[in-house]
C-alpha atoms as a PDB file:
ATOM      1  CA  MET A   1      75.759  13.809  15.137  1.00  0.00           C
ATOM      2  CA  ALA A   2      77.073  15.303  12.209  1.00  0.00           C
ATOM      3  CA  GLU A   3      75.239  14.414   8.779  1.00  0.00           C
ATOM      4  CA  GLU A   4      76.889  16.494   5.713  1.00  0.00           C
ATOM      5  CA  ARG A   5      78.422  14.592   3.101  1.00  0.00           C
ATOM      6  CA  ILE A   6      81.805  15.596   2.668  1.00  0.00           C
ATOM      7  CA  LEU A   7      83.984  14.764  -0.807  1.00  0.00           C
ATOM      8  CA  ILE A   8      87.770  14.129   0.508  1.00  0.00           C
ATOM      9  CA  VAL A   9      90.003  14.655  -3.400  1.00  0.00           C
ATOM     10  CA  GLU A  10      93.689  13.521  -2.700  1.00  0.00           C
ATOM     11  CA  ASP A  11      95.846  11.339  -3.975  1.00  0.00           C
ATOM     12  CA  ASP A  12      97.891  10.042  -1.082  1.00  0.00           C
ATOM     13  CA  SER A  13      96.476   7.419   0.532  1.00  0.00           C
ATOM     14  CA  GLY A  14      97.677   8.000   3.688  1.00  0.00           C
ATOM     15  CA  ILE A  15      96.240  11.122   4.233  1.00  0.00           C
ATOM     16  CA  SER A  16      92.964  10.487   2.881  1.00  0.00           C
ATOM     17  CA  ASP A  17      92.522   7.511   4.601  1.00  0.00           C
ATOM     18  CA  PHE A  18      93.380   9.082   7.642  1.00  0.00           C
ATOM     19  CA  VAL A  19      90.773  12.135   7.436  1.00  0.00           C
ATOM     20  CA  ASN A  20      88.102   9.577   6.318  1.00  0.00           C
ATOM     21  CA  LEU A  21      88.703   7.618   9.394  1.00  0.00           C
ATOM     22  CA  GLU A  22      88.487  10.654  11.218  1.00  0.00           C
ATOM     23  CA  LEU A  23      85.535  12.285   9.496  1.00  0.00           C
ATOM     24  CA  LYS A  24      83.356   9.073   9.726  1.00  0.00           C
ATOM     25  CA  HIS A  25      84.048   8.956  13.461  1.00  0.00           C
ATOM     26  CA  GLU A  26      82.487  12.161  13.630  1.00  0.00           C
ATOM     27  CA  GLY A  27      79.852  11.309  12.017  1.00  0.00           C
ATOM     28  CA  PHE A  28      79.983  12.868   8.446  1.00  0.00           C
ATOM     29  CA  THR A  29      78.876  11.133   5.535  1.00  0.00           C
ATOM     30  CA  THR A  30      82.109  10.465   3.322  1.00  0.00           C
ATOM     31  CA  GLU A  31      83.771   9.596  -0.321  1.00  0.00           C
ATOM     32  CA  VAL A  32      86.974   9.817  -1.532  1.00  0.00           C
ATOM     33  CA  ALA A  33      88.106  10.559  -4.964  1.00  0.00           C
ATOM     34  CA  ALA A  34      92.353   9.916  -6.167  1.00  0.00           C
ATOM     35  CA  ASP A  35      92.319  12.288  -9.045  1.00  0.00           C
ATOM     36  CA  GLY A  36      90.713  15.032 -10.556  1.00  0.00           C
ATOM     37  CA  ARG A  37      88.696  12.940 -13.121  1.00  0.00           C
ATOM     38  CA  VAL A  38      86.927  11.212 -10.373  1.00  0.00           C
ATOM     39  CA  ALA A  39      86.956  14.011  -8.676  1.00  0.00           C
ATOM     40  CA  LEU A  40      84.663  15.569 -10.689  1.00  0.00           C
ATOM     41  CA  GLU A  41      82.658  12.403 -11.546  1.00  0.00           C
ATOM     42  CA  LYS A  42      81.830  11.951  -7.894  1.00  0.00           C
ATOM     43  CA  PHE A  43      81.386  15.634  -7.386  1.00  0.00           C
ATOM     44  CA  GLU A  44      77.835  14.509  -9.527  1.00  0.00           C
ATOM     45  CA  SER A  45      76.984  11.544  -8.110  1.00  0.00           C
ATOM     46  CA  PHE A  46      77.744  12.276  -4.799  1.00  0.00           C
ATOM     47  CA  ASN A  47      76.589  15.724  -4.152  1.00  0.00           C
ATOM     48  CA  PRO A  48      78.721  16.749  -1.394  1.00  0.00           C
ATOM     49  CA  ASP A  49      78.184  19.807   0.983  1.00  0.00           C
ATOM     50  CA  LEU A  50      82.052  20.232   1.550  1.00  0.00           C
ATOM     51  CA  ILE A  51      84.800  19.207  -0.415  1.00  0.00           C
ATOM     52  CA  LEU A  52      88.063  18.858   0.515  1.00  0.00           C
ATOM     53  CA  LEU A  53      90.554  19.582  -1.997  1.00  0.00           C
ATOM     54  CA  ASP A  54      94.565  18.803  -2.461  1.00  0.00           C
ATOM     55  CA  ILE A  55      95.904  20.997  -5.364  1.00  0.00           C
ATOM     56  CA  MET A  56      98.192  18.662  -6.471  1.00  0.00           C
ATOM     57  CA  LEU A  57      96.644  15.846  -8.286  1.00  0.00           C
ATOM     58  CA  PRO A  58      96.768  13.675 -11.539  1.00  0.00           C
ATOM     59  CA  GLU A  59      94.614  13.492 -14.309  1.00  0.00           C
ATOM     60  CA  LEU A  60      93.337  17.325 -13.451  1.00  0.00           C
ATOM     61  CA  SER A  61      94.685  19.981 -11.162  1.00  0.00           C
ATOM     62  CA  GLY A  62      92.529  20.735  -8.083  1.00  0.00           C
ATOM     63  CA  LEU A  63      92.712  24.406  -9.666  1.00  0.00           C
ATOM     64  CA  GLU A  64      90.696  23.187 -12.214  1.00  0.00           C
ATOM     65  CA  VAL A  65      88.431  20.784 -10.028  1.00  0.00           C
ATOM     66  CA  LEU A  66      87.605  23.710  -8.447  1.00  0.00           C
ATOM     67  CA  ARG A  67      87.279  26.135 -11.278  1.00  0.00           C
ATOM     68  CA  ARG A  68      84.605  23.846 -13.349  1.00  0.00           C
ATOM     69  CA  ILE A  69      83.092  22.550 -10.153  1.00  0.00           C
ATOM     70  CA  ARG A  70      82.448  26.660  -9.553  1.00  0.00           C
ATOM     71  CA  LYS A  71      80.855  26.680 -13.439  1.00  0.00           C
ATOM     72  CA  THR A  72      77.730  24.811 -12.302  1.00  0.00           C
ATOM     73  CA  SER A  73      77.917  25.440  -8.025  1.00  0.00           C
ATOM     74  CA  ASN A  74      78.923  27.109  -4.748  1.00  0.00           C
ATOM     75  CA  VAL A  75      79.718  24.360  -2.698  1.00  0.00           C
ATOM     76  CA  PRO A  76      81.896  25.552   0.008  1.00  0.00           C
ATOM     77  CA  VAL A  77      85.196  23.954  -0.815  1.00  0.00           C
ATOM     78  CA  ILE A  78      88.908  24.016   1.497  1.00  0.00           C
ATOM     79  CA  ILE A  79      91.796  23.358   0.106  1.00  0.00           C
ATOM     80  CA  LEU A  80      94.155  20.731   1.132  1.00  0.00           C
ATOM     81  CA  THR A  81      97.831  21.747   0.049  1.00  0.00           C
ATOM     82  CA  ALA A  82     101.622  21.676   1.282  1.00  0.00           C
ATOM     83  CA  ARG A  83     101.791  24.553  -0.904  1.00  0.00           C
ATOM     84  CA  GLY A  84     102.002  27.609   1.851  1.00  0.00           C
ATOM     85  CA  GLU A  85     102.973  30.840  -0.042  1.00  0.00           C
ATOM     86  CA  THR A  86     100.493  33.783  -0.924  1.00  0.00           C
ATOM     87  CA  TYR A  87     100.526  33.610  -4.333  1.00  0.00           C
ATOM     88  CA  ASP A  88      99.324  29.747  -4.165  1.00  0.00           C
ATOM     89  CA  ARG A  89      96.589  30.466  -1.524  1.00  0.00           C
ATOM     90  CA  VAL A  90      95.533  33.809  -3.646  1.00  0.00           C
ATOM     91  CA  ASN A  91      94.873  31.411  -6.727  1.00  0.00           C
ATOM     92  CA  GLY A  92      92.839  28.847  -4.661  1.00  0.00           C
ATOM     93  CA  LEU A  93      90.692  31.766  -3.890  1.00  0.00           C
ATOM     94  CA  ASP A  94      91.040  33.265  -6.787  1.00  0.00           C
ATOM     95  CA  ALA A  95      89.322  29.681  -8.364  1.00  0.00           C
ATOM     96  CA  GLY A  96      86.681  30.123  -5.907  1.00  0.00           C
ATOM     97  CA  ALA A  97      87.715  28.405  -2.522  1.00  0.00           C
ATOM     98  CA  ASP A  98      86.234  29.457   0.608  1.00  0.00           C
ATOM     99  CA  ASP A  99      88.975  28.557   2.473  1.00  0.00           C
ATOM    100  CA  TYR A 100      92.603  26.549   2.702  1.00  0.00           C
ATOM    101  CA  ILE A 101      94.937  24.713   5.129  1.00  0.00           C
ATOM    102  CA  PRO A 102      98.462  23.773   4.542  1.00  0.00           C
ATOM    103  CA  LYS A 103     100.117  20.483   4.729  1.00  0.00           C
ATOM    104  CA  PRO A 104     100.900  19.080   7.853  1.00  0.00           C
ATOM    105  CA  PHE A 105      97.522  19.717   9.485  1.00  0.00           C
ATOM    106  CA  GLU A 106      95.873  18.774  12.743  1.00  0.00           C
ATOM    107  CA  ILE A 107      92.755  17.257  11.964  1.00  0.00           C
ATOM    108  CA  GLU A 108      91.186  19.243  15.090  1.00  0.00           C
ATOM    109  CA  GLU A 109      91.760  22.429  13.494  1.00  0.00           C
ATOM    110  CA  LEU A 110      90.642  20.866   9.996  1.00  0.00           C
ATOM    111  CA  LEU A 111      87.537  19.746  11.715  1.00  0.00           C
ATOM    112  CA  ALA A 112      86.957  23.602  13.706  1.00  0.00           C
ATOM    113  CA  ARG A 113      87.259  25.044   9.972  1.00  0.00           C
ATOM    114  CA  MET A 114      84.598  22.458   8.332  1.00  0.00           C
ATOM    115  CA  ARG A 115      82.231  23.294  11.298  1.00  0.00           C
ATOM    116  CA  ALA A 116      82.846  26.854  10.652  1.00  0.00           C
ATOM    117  CA  ILE A 117      82.088  26.617   7.364  1.00  0.00           C
ATOM    118  CA  LEU A 118      79.189  24.556   7.474  1.00  0.00           C
ATOM    119  CA  ARG A 119      77.650  26.553   9.976  1.00  0.00           C
ATOM    120  CA  ARG A 120      77.480  29.500   9.099  1.00  0.00           C
ATOM    121  CA  LEU A 121      76.018  28.357   5.510  1.00  0.00           C
ATOM    122  CA  SER A 122      73.322  26.853   7.670  1.00  0.00           C
ATOM    123  CA  PHE A 123      70.697  29.675   6.816  1.00  0.00           C
ATOM    124  CA  ASN A 124      67.225  29.931   7.646  1.00  0.00           C
ATOM    125  CA  SER A 125      65.408  29.807   3.966  1.00  0.00           C
ATOM    126  CA  ALA A 126      61.803  29.271   5.436  1.00  0.00           C
ATOM    127  CA  THR A 127      61.976  32.675   6.725  1.00  0.00           C
ATOM    128  CA  PRO A 128      63.227  34.995   3.347  1.00  0.00           C
ATOM    129  CA  GLU A 129      65.065  38.309   3.961  1.00  0.00           C
ATOM    130  CA  ILE A 130      65.947  40.953   1.847  1.00  0.00           C
ATOM    131  CA  LEU A 131      68.466  43.421   2.229  1.00  0.00           C
ATOM    132  CA  LYS A 132      68.745  46.311   0.066  1.00  0.00           C
ATOM    133  CA  ASN A 133      71.551  49.020  -1.073  1.00  0.00           C
ATOM    134  CA  ARG A 134      70.303  51.204  -4.388  1.00  0.00           C
ATOM    135  CA  ASP A 135      70.805  48.582  -7.124  1.00  0.00           C
ATOM    136  CA  LEU A 136      71.862  45.593  -5.413  1.00  0.00           C
ATOM    137  CA  GLU A 137      69.475  43.268  -3.637  1.00  0.00           C
ATOM    138  CA  MET A 138      70.138  40.543  -1.636  1.00  0.00           C
ATOM    139  CA  HIS A 139      67.620  37.380  -0.924  1.00  0.00           C
ATOM    140  CA  ILE A 140      69.099  35.600   2.173  1.00  0.00           C
ATOM    141  CA  GLY A 141      67.316  32.418   2.304  1.00  0.00           C
ATOM    142  CA  SER A 142      67.746  31.800  -1.595  1.00  0.00           C
ATOM    143  CA  MET A 143      71.195  33.043  -1.406  1.00  0.00           C
ATOM    144  CA  LYS A 144      70.441  35.572  -4.384  1.00  0.00           C
ATOM    145  CA  VAL A 145      71.890  38.508  -5.202  1.00  0.00           C
ATOM    146  CA  THR A 146      71.148  40.813  -8.198  1.00  0.00           C
ATOM    147  CA  LEU A 147      72.421  43.890  -8.962  1.00  0.00           C
ATOM    148  CA  LYS A 148      70.045  46.182 -11.532  1.00  0.00           C
ATOM    149  CA  GLY A 149      67.655  43.141 -11.580  1.00  0.00           C
ATOM    150  CA  GLU A 150      70.760  40.746 -13.297  1.00  0.00           C
ATOM    151  CA  VAL A 151      71.699  38.253 -11.314  1.00  0.00           C
ATOM    152  CA  ILE A 152      75.618  37.762 -10.321  1.00  0.00           C
ATOM    153  CA  ASN A 153      77.203  34.902  -9.083  1.00  0.00           C
ATOM    154  CA  LEU A 154      79.264  34.974  -5.479  1.00  0.00           C
ATOM    155  CA  SER A 155      80.957  31.795  -4.087  1.00  0.00           C
ATOM    156  CA  LYS A 156      79.895  31.492   0.104  1.00  0.00           C
ATOM    157  CA  THR A 157      82.610  33.709   1.089  1.00  0.00           C
ATOM    158  CA  GLU A 158      82.143  36.577  -0.781  1.00  0.00           C
ATOM    159  CA  PHE A 159      77.870  36.263  -0.121  1.00  0.00           C
ATOM    160  CA  LEU A 160      78.748  36.338   3.773  1.00  0.00           C
ATOM    161  CA  MET A 161      81.355  39.231   3.358  1.00  0.00           C
ATOM    162  CA  LEU A 162      78.784  40.951   0.971  1.00  0.00           C
ATOM    163  CA  LYS A 163      76.210  39.828   3.423  1.00  0.00           C
ATOM    164  CA  LEU A 164      77.895  41.693   6.513  1.00  0.00           C
ATOM    165  CA  PHE A 165      78.271  45.061   4.093  1.00  0.00           C
ATOM    166  CA  MET A 166      74.872  45.242   3.713  1.00  0.00           C
ATOM    167  CA  GLU A 167      74.259  44.681   6.950  1.00  0.00           C
ATOM    168  CA  ASN A 168      75.964  47.290   7.944  1.00  0.00           C
ATOM    169  CA  VAL A 169      76.203  50.447   5.176  1.00  0.00           C
ATOM    170  CA  ASN A 170      77.881  53.380   6.293  1.00  0.00           C
ATOM    171  CA  LYS A 171      79.756  51.672   8.795  1.00  0.00           C
ATOM    172  CA  VAL A 172      83.625  50.866   8.818  1.00  0.00           C
ATOM    173  CA  LEU A 173      84.043  46.917   9.136  1.00  0.00           C
ATOM    174  CA  SER A 174      87.801  46.387  10.345  1.00  0.00           C
ATOM    175  CA  ARG A 175      89.606  43.406   8.371  1.00  0.00           C
ATOM    176  CA  ASP A 176      89.272  42.140  11.959  1.00  0.00           C
ATOM    177  CA  ASN A 177      85.813  42.304  12.232  1.00  0.00           C
ATOM    178  CA  LEU A 178      85.620  40.764   9.201  1.00  0.00           C
ATOM    179  CA  ILE A 179      88.021  37.636   9.680  1.00  0.00           C
ATOM    180  CA  ASP A 180      85.835  37.160  13.072  1.00  0.00           C
ATOM    181  CA  GLU A 181      82.591  37.200  11.489  1.00  0.00           C
ATOM    182  CA  ILE A 182      83.208  35.180   8.486  1.00  0.00           C
ATOM    183  CA  TRP A 183      85.845  32.325   9.943  1.00  0.00           C
ATOM    184  CA  GLY A 184      85.400  32.675  13.268  1.00  0.00           C
ATOM    185  CA  LYS A 185      87.667  33.578  16.280  1.00  0.00           C
ATOM    186  CA  ASN A 186      90.836  32.434  16.746  1.00  0.00           C
ATOM    187  CA  HIS A 187      91.127  31.841  12.780  1.00  0.00           C
ATOM    188  CA  PHE A 188      94.767  32.443  11.824  1.00  0.00           C
ATOM    189  CA  ILE A 189      93.930  34.134   8.097  1.00  0.00           C
ATOM    190  CA  ASP A 190      96.042  36.134   6.567  1.00  0.00           C
ATOM    191  CA  GLU A 191      94.599  39.602   6.355  1.00  0.00           C
ATOM    192  CA  ASN A 192      95.230  40.132   2.779  1.00  0.00           C
ATOM    193  CA  THR A 193      92.754  37.322   1.782  1.00  0.00           C
ATOM    194  CA  ILE A 194      90.067  40.014   3.319  1.00  0.00           C
ATOM    195  CA  ASP A 195      91.812  42.452   0.677  1.00  0.00           C
ATOM    196  CA  VAL A 196      91.350  39.652  -2.178  1.00  0.00           C
ATOM    197  CA  TYR A 197      87.389  38.418  -1.385  1.00  0.00           C
ATOM    198  CA  VAL A 198      87.252  42.813  -1.262  1.00  0.00           C
ATOM    199  CA  GLY A 199      88.533  42.991  -4.932  1.00  0.00           C
ATOM    200  CA  TYR A 200      86.401  40.316  -5.496  1.00  0.00           C
ATOM    201  CA  LEU A 201      82.721  42.335  -4.724  1.00  0.00           C
ATOM    202  CA  ARG A 202      84.288  45.277  -6.325  1.00  0.00           C
ATOM    203  CA  SER A 203      84.881  43.476  -9.853  1.00  0.00           C
ATOM    204  CA  LYS A 204      81.386  42.183  -9.786  1.00  0.00           C
ATOM    205  CA  ILE A 205      79.766  45.180  -8.600  1.00  0.00           C
ATOM    206  CA  ASP A 206      81.564  48.366  -8.577  1.00  0.00           C
ATOM    207  CA  GLN A 207      83.223  47.869 -12.001  1.00  0.00           C
ATOM    208  CA  GLU A 208      80.081  46.208 -13.332  1.00  0.00           C
ATOM    209  CA  VAL A 209      78.444  49.558 -12.435  1.00  0.00           C
ATOM    210  CA  HIS A 210      81.133  52.129 -12.702  1.00  0.00           C
ATOM    211  CA  GLU A 211      79.759  53.226  -8.793  1.00  0.00           C
ATOM    212  CA  GLU A 212      81.586  52.903  -5.227  1.00  0.00           C
ATOM    213  CA  TYR A 213      79.752  50.501  -3.353  1.00  0.00           C
ATOM    214  CA  ILE A 214      82.681  49.405  -1.200  1.00  0.00           C
ATOM    215  CA  LYS A 215      84.896  51.937   0.318  1.00  0.00           C
ATOM    216  CA  THR A 216      88.504  51.434   1.673  1.00  0.00           C
ATOM    217  CA  VAL A 217      88.687  54.053   4.784  1.00  0.00           C
ATOM    218  CA  ARG A 218      92.397  54.106   5.160  1.00  0.00           C
ATOM    219  CA  GLY A 219      93.619  52.617   8.321  1.00  0.00           C
ATOM    220  CA  ALA A 220      90.733  51.568   9.735  1.00  0.00           C
ATOM    221  CA  GLY A 221      89.161  48.942   6.957  1.00  0.00           C
ATOM    222  CA  PHE A 222      86.377  48.932   4.742  1.00  0.00           C
ATOM    223  CA  MET A 223      82.794  50.195   4.649  1.00  0.00           C
ATOM    224  CA  MET A 224      79.775  49.758   2.194  1.00  0.00           C
ATOM    225  CA  ILE A 225      78.661  53.074   1.147  1.00  0.00           C
ATOM    226  CA  ASP A 226      74.662  54.046   0.442  1.00  0.00           C
ATOM    227  CA  GLY A 227      75.993  57.004  -2.477  1.00  0.00           C
ATOM    228  CA  SER A 228      73.584  59.904  -0.367  1.00  0.00           C
ATOM    229  CA  GLU A 229      77.133  61.680  -0.210  1.00  0.00           C
ATOM    230  CA  LYS A 230      76.573  62.138  -4.290  1.00  0.00           C
END
């Protein structure tokens, strides 16, 4: 049975009660918050392993809650929202969400996405591994990434994408490759989501040192390069 702690942030009691009951049935430990301020309080006291976060909340919006959480934590966050447009999804991802699921949703899909995130984040910290490319260094066990010795802050999904790139230096990874490896097969992630995350990584790596680490391969995907062609 699952033992992970899940914080459900939802002001619609019908939805939160239903999700809470289903998660408890699956063996998760849960807490519920009905507004943004309570969500932040429970985030501190409950220390969740994953957060289900509605965007439209009283007191503080879900996006503001997410921004404040991201100042101190990379806990995975799935946004639950009635807003399905690309603009709203990108706003959520830009604020640091790991995934999104539009309402109405099937509980089986929500559970599958939760398990996929929790599974891919189960790194073995007892056997640390280090990946390097030029001035970029990744410590797998501690999930620490440094660029020229300075720590760079990444969301869990950014970390996983960067890990894939660093494990496949000078190899092209298609958008489908990235979706399958990060979110799992049969996950209907918009390919534009990959472009958004690649943009995040470039802003934190390439633009910081004015060097190209992640290259676009037209018509094929993306590739991390080692700079040897210079």
